Amino acid sequence: MANTRQAKKRVRQSENSRKHNTTLRSLYRTALKKVVNAVAASNKTAAAESYKAAVPVVDRMVSKGIIHKNKAARHKSRLSLRIKNMV
């Protein structure tokens, strides 16, 4: 357990940060799932629209430090490839 005042404050800050980051990570994952579900349903227009909505969310998570920029690029690339390869 934290003994000093600054250590106790750091514990409080870490907990608040963890909760905030969890919310942001959930938003990020939901945006990706919408694209994946639209692709699975073979709905190209819905997939394209949900992809357009997901890209800014992914980029925002990079700027906030929730995910790494290479991970964001990988997800965007793979999702766009799945949309392009839809029949």
Protein backbone atom coordinates (compact mmCIF):
# COMPACT_ATOMS: atom_id res chain seq x y z
CA MET A 1 0.00 0.00 0.00
CA ALA A 2 1.14 3.55 -0.64
CA ASN A 3 2.69 5.21 2.37
CA THR A 4 3.47 8.77 1.33
CA ARG A 5 1.01 11.46 0.28
CA GLN A 6 2.45 11.61 -3.23
CA ALA A 7 2.24 7.82 -3.59
CA LYS A 8 -1.41 7.86 -2.49
CA LYS A 9 -2.15 10.64 -4.98
CA ARG A 10 -0.40 8.67 -7.73
CA VAL A 11 -2.61 5.65 -6.95
CA ARG A 12 -5.72 7.84 -7.29
CA GLN A 13 -4.47 9.34 -10.55
CA SER A 14 -3.58 5.94 -11.97
CA GLU A 15 -7.04 4.58 -11.18
CA ASN A 16 -8.77 7.53 -12.86
CA SER A 17 -6.49 7.22 -15.87
CA ARG A 18 -7.17 3.49 -16.12
CA LYS A 19 -10.94 4.06 -16.12
CA HIS A 20 -10.65 6.78 -18.75
CA ASN A 21 -8.40 4.66 -20.97
CA THR A 22 -10.77 1.70 -20.63
CA THR A 23 -13.62 3.84 -21.96
CA LEU A 24 -11.53 5.02 -24.89
CA ARG A 25 -10.33 1.50 -25.69
CA SER A 26 -13.95 0.30 -25.68
CA LEU A 27 -14.90 3.08 -28.12
CA TYR A 28 -12.01 2.04 -30.37
CA ARG A 29 -12.92 -1.64 -30.34
CA THR A 30 -16.59 -0.90 -31.00
CA ALA A 31 -15.69 1.16 -34.06
CA LEU A 32 -13.59 -1.70 -35.43
CA LYS A 33 -16.30 -4.27 -34.71
CA LYS A 34 -18.87 -2.25 -36.65
CA VAL A 35 -16.67 -2.49 -39.74
CA VAL A 36 -15.97 -6.19 -39.25
CA ASN A 37 -19.67 -6.97 -38.74
CA ALA A 38 -20.64 -5.04 -41.87
CA VAL A 39 -18.01 -6.96 -43.86
CA ALA A 40 -19.27 -10.25 -42.42
CA ALA A 41 -22.80 -9.29 -43.47
CA SER A 42 -21.52 -8.61 -47.02
CA ASN A 43 -22.87 -5.08 -46.91
CA LYS A 44 -20.26 -3.08 -48.79
CA THR A 45 -21.88 0.34 -48.41
CA ALA A 46 -22.36 -0.08 -44.67
CA ALA A 47 -18.80 -1.39 -44.35
CA ALA A 48 -17.41 1.61 -46.23
CA GLU A 49 -19.40 4.06 -44.14
CA SER A 50 -18.46 2.43 -40.85
CA TYR A 51 -14.83 2.39 -42.01
CA LYS A 52 -14.99 6.13 -42.68
CA ALA A 53 -16.37 6.62 -39.16
CA ALA A 54 -13.78 4.31 -37.60
CA VAL A 55 -10.66 5.93 -39.11
CA PRO A 56 -10.90 9.18 -37.09
CA VAL A 57 -11.57 7.16 -33.92
CA VAL A 58 -8.47 5.06 -34.53
CA ASP A 59 -6.36 8.15 -35.24
CA ARG A 60 -7.66 9.83 -32.09
CA MET A 61 -6.61 6.83 -30.00
CA VAL A 62 -3.10 7.13 -31.44
CA SER A 63 -2.88 10.80 -30.52
CA LYS A 64 -4.06 10.01 -26.97
CA GLY A 65 -1.51 7.24 -26.59
CA ILE A 66 -4.06 4.45 -26.22
CA ILE A 67 -2.60 2.44 -29.13
CA HIS A 68 0.64 2.61 -31.10
CA LYS A 69 0.64 4.29 -34.51
CA ASN A 70 1.82 1.11 -36.24
CA LYS A 71 -1.06 -0.87 -34.73
CA ALA A 72 -3.49 1.77 -35.98
CA ALA A 73 -1.98 1.65 -39.46
CA ARG A 74 -2.16 -2.14 -39.46
CA HIS A 75 -5.84 -2.16 -38.47
CA LYS A 76 -6.79 0.50 -41.02
CA SER A 77 -4.89 -1.31 -43.75
CA ARG A 78 -6.42 -4.69 -43.02
CA LEU A 79 -9.94 -3.31 -42.75
CA SER A 80 -9.67 -1.41 -46.02
CA LEU A 81 -8.29 -4.52 -47.70
CA ARG A 82 -11.23 -6.58 -46.44
CA ILE A 83 -13.66 -3.98 -47.79
CA LYS A 84 -11.92 -3.88 -51.18
CA ASN A 85 -11.97 -7.66 -51.47
CA MET A 86 -15.69 -7.93 -50.81
CA VAL A 87 -17.67 -9.59 -53.59
